[in-house]
Full PDB file with SEQRES, HELIX, SHEET, SSBOND, CRYST1, ORIGX, SCALE, CONECT and MASTER records, all heavy atoms in Angstrom:
SEQRES   1 A   33  ALA ARG GLY ILE GLY ALA ALA THR VAL ARG ALA LEU CYS          
SEQRES   2 A   33  ASP ARG GLY TYR ARG VAL VAL ALA VAL ASP CYS CYS ALA          
SEQRES   3 A   33  GLY ASP VAL PRO GLY ASP LEU                                  
HELIX    1 AA1 GLY A    3  ASP A   14  1                                  12    
HELIX    2 AA2 ALA A   26  ASP A   28  5                                   3    
CRYST1    1.000    1.000    1.000  90.00  90.00  90.00 P 1           1          
ORIGX1      1.000000  0.000000  0.000000        0.00000                         
ORIGX2      0.000000  1.000000  0.000000        0.00000                         
ORIGX3      0.000000  0.000000  1.000000        0.00000                         
SCALE1      1.000000  0.000000  0.000000        0.00000                         
SCALE2      0.000000  1.000000  0.000000        0.00000                         
SCALE3      0.000000  0.000000  1.000000        0.00000                         
ATOM      1  N   ALA A   1      55.878 137.388  88.095  1.00  0.00           N  
ATOM      2  CA  ALA A   1      56.168 138.128  89.342  1.00  0.00           C  
ATOM      3  C   ALA A   1      57.541 137.795  90.003  1.00  0.00           C  
ATOM      4  O   ALA A   1      58.112 138.597  90.676  1.00  0.00           O  
ATOM      5  CB  ALA A   1      55.053 137.893  90.349  1.00  0.00           C  
ATOM      6  N   ARG A   2      58.025 136.554  89.733  1.00  0.00           N  
ATOM      7  CA  ARG A   2      59.320 136.211  90.309  1.00  0.00           C  
ATOM      8  C   ARG A   2      59.918 135.040  89.633  1.00  0.00           C  
ATOM      9  O   ARG A   2      59.330 134.455  88.692  1.00  0.00           O  
ATOM     10  CB  ARG A   2      59.261 135.979  91.807  1.00  0.00           C  
ATOM     11  CG  ARG A   2      58.479 134.743  92.224  1.00  0.00           C  
ATOM     12  CD  ARG A   2      58.506 134.558  93.694  1.00  0.00           C  
ATOM     13  NE  ARG A   2      57.846 133.372  94.067  1.00  0.00           N  
ATOM     14  CZ  ARG A   2      57.326 133.117  95.292  1.00  0.00           C  
ATOM     15  NH1 ARG A   2      57.465 134.002  96.185  1.00  0.00           N  
ATOM     16  NH2 ARG A   2      56.713 131.971  95.517  1.00  0.00           N  
ATOM     17  N   GLY A   3      61.114 134.643  89.952  1.00  0.00           N  
ATOM     18  CA  GLY A   3      61.791 133.470  89.377  1.00  0.00           C  
ATOM     19  C   GLY A   3      62.093 133.659  87.902  1.00  0.00           C  
ATOM     20  O   GLY A   3      62.505 134.733  87.451  1.00  0.00           O  
ATOM     21  N   ILE A   4      61.940 132.580  87.192  1.00  0.00           N  
ATOM     22  CA  ILE A   4      62.327 132.599  85.756  1.00  0.00           C  
ATOM     23  C   ILE A   4      61.448 133.562  84.970  1.00  0.00           C  
ATOM     24  O   ILE A   4      61.928 134.275  84.065  1.00  0.00           O  
ATOM     25  CB  ILE A   4      62.174 131.194  85.122  1.00  0.00           C  
ATOM     26  CG1 ILE A   4      63.203 130.254  85.767  1.00  0.00           C  
ATOM     27  CG2 ILE A   4      62.255 131.184  83.632  1.00  0.00           C  
ATOM     28  CD1 ILE A   4      63.040 128.758  85.419  1.00  0.00           C  
ATOM     29  N   GLY A   5      60.157 133.685  85.314  1.00  0.00           N  
ATOM     30  CA  GLY A   5      59.305 134.679  84.637  1.00  0.00           C  
ATOM     31  C   GLY A   5      59.782 136.099  84.881  1.00  0.00           C  
ATOM     32  O   GLY A   5      59.895 136.862  83.845  1.00  0.00           O  
ATOM     33  N   ALA A   6      60.176 136.476  86.062  1.00  0.00           N  
ATOM     34  CA  ALA A   6      60.658 137.826  86.300  1.00  0.00           C  
ATOM     35  C   ALA A   6      62.008 138.041  85.571  1.00  0.00           C  
ATOM     36  O   ALA A   6      62.219 139.133  85.025  1.00  0.00           O  
ATOM     37  CB  ALA A   6      60.788 138.097  87.771  1.00  0.00           C  
ATOM     38  N   ALA A   7      62.880 137.049  85.634  1.00  0.00           N  
ATOM     39  CA  ALA A   7      64.143 137.145  84.915  1.00  0.00           C  
ATOM     40  C   ALA A   7      63.931 137.342  83.409  1.00  0.00           C  
ATOM     41  O   ALA A   7      64.655 138.138  82.744  1.00  0.00           O  
ATOM     42  CB  ALA A   7      65.001 135.932  85.194  1.00  0.00           C  
ATOM     43  N   THR A   8      62.933 136.677  82.894  1.00  0.00           N  
ATOM     44  CA  THR A   8      62.616 136.817  81.465  1.00  0.00           C  
ATOM     45  C   THR A   8      62.096 138.209  81.132  1.00  0.00           C  
ATOM     46  O   THR A   8      62.560 138.787  80.140  1.00  0.00           O  
ATOM     47  CB  THR A   8      61.588 135.751  81.020  1.00  0.00           C  
ATOM     48  OG1 THR A   8      62.087 134.447  81.333  1.00  0.00           O  
ATOM     49  CG2 THR A   8      61.170 135.848  79.591  1.00  0.00           C  
ATOM     50  N   VAL A   9      61.239 138.695  81.942  1.00  0.00           N  
ATOM     51  CA  VAL A   9      60.755 140.094  81.753  1.00  0.00           C  
ATOM     52  C   VAL A   9      61.935 141.088  81.740  1.00  0.00           C  
ATOM     53  O   VAL A   9      62.034 141.942  80.827  1.00  0.00           O  
ATOM     54  CB  VAL A   9      59.679 140.490  82.825  1.00  0.00           C  
ATOM     55  CG1 VAL A   9      59.382 141.962  82.727  1.00  0.00           C  
ATOM     56  CG2 VAL A   9      58.452 139.634  82.690  1.00  0.00           C  
ATOM     57  N   ARG A  10      62.803 140.920  82.748  1.00  0.00           N  
ATOM     58  CA  ARG A  10      63.952 141.875  82.784  1.00  0.00           C  
ATOM     59  C   ARG A  10      64.841 141.766  81.533  1.00  0.00           C  
ATOM     60  O   ARG A  10      65.279 142.744  81.012  1.00  0.00           O  
ATOM     61  CB  ARG A  10      64.793 141.600  84.081  1.00  0.00           C  
ATOM     62  CG  ARG A  10      64.049 142.027  85.316  1.00  0.00           C  
ATOM     63  CD  ARG A  10      64.894 141.743  86.558  1.00  0.00           C  
ATOM     64  NE  ARG A  10      64.209 142.128  87.764  1.00  0.00           N  
ATOM     65  CZ  ARG A  10      63.592 141.215  88.567  1.00  0.00           C  
ATOM     66  NH1 ARG A  10      63.649 139.936  88.342  1.00  0.00           N  
ATOM     67  NH2 ARG A  10      62.899 141.632  89.632  1.00  0.00           N  
ATOM     68  N   ALA A  11      65.124 140.550  81.138  1.00  0.00           N  
ATOM     69  CA  ALA A  11      65.950 140.300  79.954  1.00  0.00           C  
ATOM     70  C   ALA A  11      65.309 140.881  78.680  1.00  0.00           C  
ATOM     71  O   ALA A  11      65.957 141.530  77.900  1.00  0.00           O  
ATOM     72  CB  ALA A  11      66.238 138.811  79.741  1.00  0.00           C  
ATOM     73  N   LEU A  12      63.979 140.736  78.528  1.00  0.00           N  
ATOM     74  CA  LEU A  12      63.286 141.251  77.383  1.00  0.00           C  
ATOM     75  C   LEU A  12      63.357 142.767  77.430  1.00  0.00           C  
ATOM     76  O   LEU A  12      63.579 143.437  76.407  1.00  0.00           O  
ATOM     77  CB  LEU A  12      61.883 140.765  77.324  1.00  0.00           C  
ATOM     78  CG  LEU A  12      61.744 139.253  76.940  1.00  0.00           C  
ATOM     79  CD1 LEU A  12      60.280 138.775  77.197  1.00  0.00           C  
ATOM     80  CD2 LEU A  12      62.095 139.050  75.504  1.00  0.00           C  
ATOM     81  N   CYS A  13      63.109 143.368  78.574  1.00  0.00           N  
ATOM     82  CA  CYS A  13      63.133 144.793  78.686  1.00  0.00           C  
ATOM     83  C   CYS A  13      64.510 145.375  78.355  1.00  0.00           C  
ATOM     84  O   CYS A  13      64.633 146.383  77.710  1.00  0.00           O  
ATOM     85  CB  CYS A  13      62.714 145.264  80.089  1.00  0.00           C  
ATOM     86  SG  CYS A  13      60.956 145.076  80.409  1.00  0.00           S  
ATOM     87  N   ASP A  14      65.587 144.647  78.760  1.00  0.00           N  
ATOM     88  CA  ASP A  14      66.935 145.097  78.480  1.00  0.00           C  
ATOM     89  C   ASP A  14      67.140 145.023  77.001  1.00  0.00           C  
ATOM     90  O   ASP A  14      68.001 145.828  76.444  1.00  0.00           O  
ATOM     91  CB  ASP A  14      67.938 144.184  79.181  1.00  0.00           C  
ATOM     92  CG  ASP A  14      67.995 144.403  80.665  1.00  0.00           C  
ATOM     93  OD1 ASP A  14      67.445 145.421  81.164  1.00  0.00           O  
ATOM     94  OD2 ASP A  14      68.613 143.579  81.368  1.00  0.00           O  
ATOM     95  N   ARG A  15      66.402 144.224  76.241  1.00  0.00           N  
ATOM     96  CA  ARG A  15      66.575 144.173  74.801  1.00  0.00           C  
ATOM     97  C   ARG A  15      65.596 145.024  74.060  1.00  0.00           C  
ATOM     98  O   ARG A  15      65.534 145.013  72.843  1.00  0.00           O  
ATOM     99  CB  ARG A  15      66.412 142.679  74.348  1.00  0.00           C  
ATOM    100  CG  ARG A  15      67.511 141.832  74.949  1.00  0.00           C  
ATOM    101  CD  ARG A  15      67.633 140.465  74.319  1.00  0.00           C  
ATOM    102  NE  ARG A  15      67.970 140.494  72.901  1.00  0.00           N  
ATOM    103  CZ  ARG A  15      69.237 140.557  72.418  1.00  0.00           C  
ATOM    104  NH1 ARG A  15      70.234 140.648  73.260  1.00  0.00           N  
ATOM    105  NH2 ARG A  15      69.442 140.517  71.136  1.00  0.00           N  
ATOM    106  N   GLY A  16      64.853 145.822  74.799  1.00  0.00           N  
ATOM    107  CA  GLY A  16      63.969 146.826  74.132  1.00  0.00           C  
ATOM    108  C   GLY A  16      62.548 146.426  74.007  1.00  0.00           C  
ATOM    109  O   GLY A  16      61.703 147.175  73.420  1.00  0.00           O  
ATOM    110  N   TYR A  17      62.163 145.237  74.494  1.00  0.00           N  
ATOM    111  CA  TYR A  17      60.798 144.768  74.391  1.00  0.00           C  
ATOM    112  C   TYR A  17      59.894 145.573  75.395  1.00  0.00           C  
ATOM    113  O   TYR A  17      60.407 146.076  76.389  1.00  0.00           O  
ATOM    114  CB  TYR A  17      60.663 143.327  74.817  1.00  0.00           C  
ATOM    115  CG  TYR A  17      60.955 142.319  73.731  1.00  0.00           C  
ATOM    116  CD1 TYR A  17      62.199 142.058  73.322  1.00  0.00           C  
ATOM    117  CD2 TYR A  17      59.871 141.621  73.166  1.00  0.00           C  
ATOM    118  CE1 TYR A  17      62.445 141.109  72.306  1.00  0.00           C  
ATOM    119  CE2 TYR A  17      60.065 140.640  72.197  1.00  0.00           C  
ATOM    120  CZ  TYR A  17      61.395 140.393  71.778  1.00  0.00           C  
ATOM    121  OH  TYR A  17      61.626 139.442  70.825  1.00  0.00           O  
ATOM    122  N   ARG A  18      58.663 145.651  75.039  1.00  0.00           N  
ATOM    123  CA  ARG A  18      57.638 146.039  75.960  1.00  0.00           C  
ATOM    124  C   ARG A  18      56.946 144.741  76.383  1.00  0.00           C  
ATOM    125  O   ARG A  18      56.787 143.842  75.532  1.00  0.00           O  
ATOM    126  CB  ARG A  18      56.654 147.052  75.319  1.00  0.00           C  
ATOM    127  CG  ARG A  18      57.412 148.383  75.105  1.00  0.00           C  
ATOM    128  CD  ARG A  18      56.687 149.284  74.183  1.00  0.00           C  
ATOM    129  NE  ARG A  18      56.674 148.681  72.867  1.00  0.00           N  
ATOM    130  CZ  ARG A  18      55.934 149.096  71.829  1.00  0.00           C  
ATOM    131  NH1 ARG A  18      55.141 150.127  71.962  1.00  0.00           N  
ATOM    132  NH2 ARG A  18      55.997 148.532  70.676  1.00  0.00           N  
ATOM    133  N   VAL A  19      56.547 144.651  77.644  1.00  0.00           N  
ATOM    134  CA  VAL A  19      56.091 143.306  78.135  1.00  0.00           C  
ATOM    135  C   VAL A  19      54.818 143.469  78.922  1.00  0.00           C  
ATOM    136  O   VAL A  19      54.661 144.348  79.769  1.00  0.00           O  
ATOM    137  CB  VAL A  19      57.169 142.738  79.051  1.00  0.00           C  
ATOM    138  CG1 VAL A  19      56.720 141.389  79.629  1.00  0.00           C  
ATOM    139  CG2 VAL A  19      58.499 142.610  78.345  1.00  0.00           C  
ATOM    140  N   VAL A  20      53.892 142.527  78.650  1.00  0.00           N  
ATOM    141  CA  VAL A  20      52.761 142.336  79.507  1.00  0.00           C  
ATOM    142  C   VAL A  20      53.118 141.222  80.443  1.00  0.00           C  
ATOM    143  O   VAL A  20      53.309 140.046  80.054  1.00  0.00           O  
ATOM    144  CB  VAL A  20      51.494 141.908  78.671  1.00  0.00           C  
ATOM    145  CG1 VAL A  20      50.270 141.655  79.631  1.00  0.00           C  
ATOM    146  CG2 VAL A  20      51.112 143.029  77.694  1.00  0.00           C  
ATOM    147  N   ALA A  21      53.301 141.631  81.754  1.00  0.00           N  
ATOM    148  CA  ALA A  21      53.733 140.633  82.775  1.00  0.00           C  
ATOM    149  C   ALA A  21      52.506 140.124  83.499  1.00  0.00           C  
ATOM    150  O   ALA A  21      51.789 140.898  84.189  1.00  0.00           O  
ATOM    151  CB  ALA A  21      54.687 141.409  83.719  1.00  0.00           C  
ATOM    152  N   VAL A  22      52.294 138.823  83.392  1.00  0.00           N  
ATOM    153  CA  VAL A  22      51.049 138.203  83.984  1.00  0.00           C  
ATOM    154  C   VAL A  22      51.476 137.259  85.051  1.00  0.00           C  
ATOM    155  O   VAL A  22      52.370 136.468  84.911  1.00  0.00           O  
ATOM    156  CB  VAL A  22      50.298 137.449  82.848  1.00  0.00           C  
ATOM    157  CG1 VAL A  22      49.106 136.709  83.456  1.00  0.00           C  
ATOM    158  CG2 VAL A  22      49.875 138.400  81.772  1.00  0.00           C  
ATOM    159  N   ASP A  23      50.762 137.355  86.189  1.00  0.00           N  
ATOM    160  CA  ASP A  23      50.965 136.399  87.286  1.00  0.00           C  
ATOM    161  C   ASP A  23      49.641 136.252  88.034  1.00  0.00           C  
ATOM    162  O   ASP A  23      48.884 137.242  88.146  1.00  0.00           O  
ATOM    163  CB  ASP A  23      52.045 136.803  88.232  1.00  0.00           C  
ATOM    164  CG  ASP A  23      52.657 135.677  88.986  1.00  0.00           C  
ATOM    165  OD1 ASP A  23      51.971 135.159  89.870  1.00  0.00           O  
ATOM    166  OD2 ASP A  23      53.762 135.237  88.685  1.00  0.00           O  
ATOM    167  N   CYS A  24      49.424 135.104  88.627  1.00  0.00           N  
ATOM    168  CA  CYS A  24      48.152 134.934  89.404  1.00  0.00           C  
ATOM    169  C   CYS A  24      48.207 135.624  90.749  1.00  0.00           C  
ATOM    170  O   CYS A  24      47.188 135.878  91.408  1.00  0.00           O  
ATOM    171  CB  CYS A  24      47.742 133.472  89.513  1.00  0.00           C  
ATOM    172  SG  CYS A  24      48.833 132.527  90.599  1.00  0.00           S  
ATOM    173  N   CYS A  25      49.458 135.845  91.225  1.00  0.00           N  
ATOM    174  CA  CYS A  25      49.691 136.465  92.514  1.00  0.00           C  
ATOM    175  C   CYS A  25      48.892 135.809  93.627  1.00  0.00           C  
ATOM    176  O   CYS A  25      48.323 136.470  94.489  1.00  0.00           O  
ATOM    177  CB  CYS A  25      49.339 137.991  92.420  1.00  0.00           C  
ATOM    178  SG  CYS A  25      50.433 138.857  91.260  1.00  0.00           S  
ATOM    179  N   ALA A  26      48.889 134.466  93.621  1.00  0.00           N  
ATOM    180  CA  ALA A  26      48.116 133.706  94.634  1.00  0.00           C  
ATOM    181  C   ALA A  26      48.828 133.786  95.972  1.00  0.00           C  
ATOM    182  O   ALA A  26      48.183 133.278  96.962  1.00  0.00           O  
ATOM    183  CB  ALA A  26      47.985 132.278  94.124  1.00  0.00           C  
ATOM    184  N   GLY A  27      50.008 134.325  96.075  1.00  0.00           N  
ATOM    185  CA  GLY A  27      50.660 134.442  97.374  1.00  0.00           C  
ATOM    186  C   GLY A  27      49.902 135.283  98.313  1.00  0.00           C  
ATOM    187  O   GLY A  27      49.976 135.154  99.517  1.00  0.00           O  
ATOM    188  N   ASP A  28      49.058 136.186  97.787  1.00  0.00           N  
ATOM    189  CA  ASP A  28      48.260 137.018  98.599  1.00  0.00           C  
ATOM    190  C   ASP A  28      46.963 136.297  99.048  1.00  0.00           C  
ATOM    191  O   ASP A  28      46.195 136.797  99.910  1.00  0.00           O  
ATOM    192  CB  ASP A  28      47.855 138.281  97.827  1.00  0.00           C  
ATOM    193  CG  ASP A  28      49.041 139.174  97.562  1.00  0.00           C  
ATOM    194  OD1 ASP A  28      50.059 139.043  98.246  1.00  0.00           O  
ATOM    195  OD2 ASP A  28      48.959 139.998  96.632  1.00  0.00           O  
ATOM    196  N   VAL A  29      46.745 135.094  98.496  1.00  0.00           N  
ATOM    197  CA  VAL A  29      45.528 134.295  98.869  1.00  0.00           C  
ATOM    198  C   VAL A  29      46.033 132.911  99.230  1.00  0.00           C  
ATOM    199  O   VAL A  29      46.046 132.002  98.382  1.00  0.00           O  
ATOM    200  CB  VAL A  29      44.522 134.253  97.727  1.00  0.00           C  
ATOM    201  CG1 VAL A  29      43.266 133.498  98.128  1.00  0.00           C  
ATOM    202  CG2 VAL A  29      44.203 135.639  97.200  1.00  0.00           C  
ATOM    203  N   PRO A  30      46.439 132.684 100.461  1.00  0.00           N  
ATOM    204  CA  PRO A  30      46.973 131.360 100.861  1.00  0.00           C  
ATOM    205  C   PRO A  30      45.929 130.241 100.529  1.00  0.00           C  
ATOM    206  O   PRO A  30      44.716 130.379 100.713  1.00  0.00           O  
ATOM    207  CB  PRO A  30      47.167 131.476 102.343  1.00  0.00           C  
ATOM    208  CG  PRO A  30      47.238 132.925 102.635  1.00  0.00           C  
ATOM    209  CD  PRO A  30      46.373 133.576 101.565  1.00  0.00           C  
ATOM    210  N   GLY A  31      46.487 129.093 100.052  1.00  0.00           N  
ATOM    211  CA  GLY A  31      45.677 127.941  99.743  1.00  0.00           C  
ATOM    212  C   GLY A  31      44.923 128.014  98.476  1.00  0.00           C  
ATOM    213  O   GLY A  31      44.060 127.184  98.178  1.00  0.00           O  
ATOM    214  N   ASP A  32      45.198 128.989  97.626  1.00  0.00           N  
ATOM    215  CA  ASP A  32      44.464 129.161  96.334  1.00  0.00           C  
ATOM    216  C   ASP A  32      44.749 128.035  95.427  1.00  0.00           C  
ATOM    217  O   ASP A  32      43.896 127.657  94.612  1.00  0.00           O  
ATOM    218  CB  ASP A  32      44.858 130.496  95.689  1.00  0.00           C  
ATOM    219  CG  ASP A  32      43.957 130.777  94.484  1.00  0.00           C  
ATOM    220  OD1 ASP A  32      42.768 130.639  94.541  1.00  0.00           O  
ATOM    221  OD2 ASP A  32      44.589 131.113  93.404  1.00  0.00           O  
ATOM    222  N   LEU A  33      45.954 127.454  95.467  1.00  0.00           N  
ATOM    223  CA  LEU A  33      46.275 126.325  94.527  1.00  0.00           C  
ATOM    224  C   LEU A  33      46.471 125.081  95.371  1.00  0.00           C  
ATOM    225  O   LEU A  33      47.468 124.868  96.059  1.00  0.00           O  
ATOM    226  CB  LEU A  33      47.573 126.667  93.784  1.00  0.00           C  
ATOM    227  CG  LEU A  33      47.492 127.801  92.836  1.00  0.00           C  
ATOM    228  CD1 LEU A  33      48.848 128.101  92.211  1.00  0.00           C  
ATOM    229  CD2 LEU A  33      46.528 127.530  91.685  1.00  0.00           C  
TER     230      LEU A  33                                                      
MASTER        0    0    0    2    0    0    0    6  229    1    0    3          
END                                                                             
């Protein structure tokens, strides 16, 4: 969803990859971790 993971997704897409982008998205649930 952000940071190095998002940069990696963008770089792979630029090289023609299709990507399954996975994130826990815990920002929507404070205190989850």
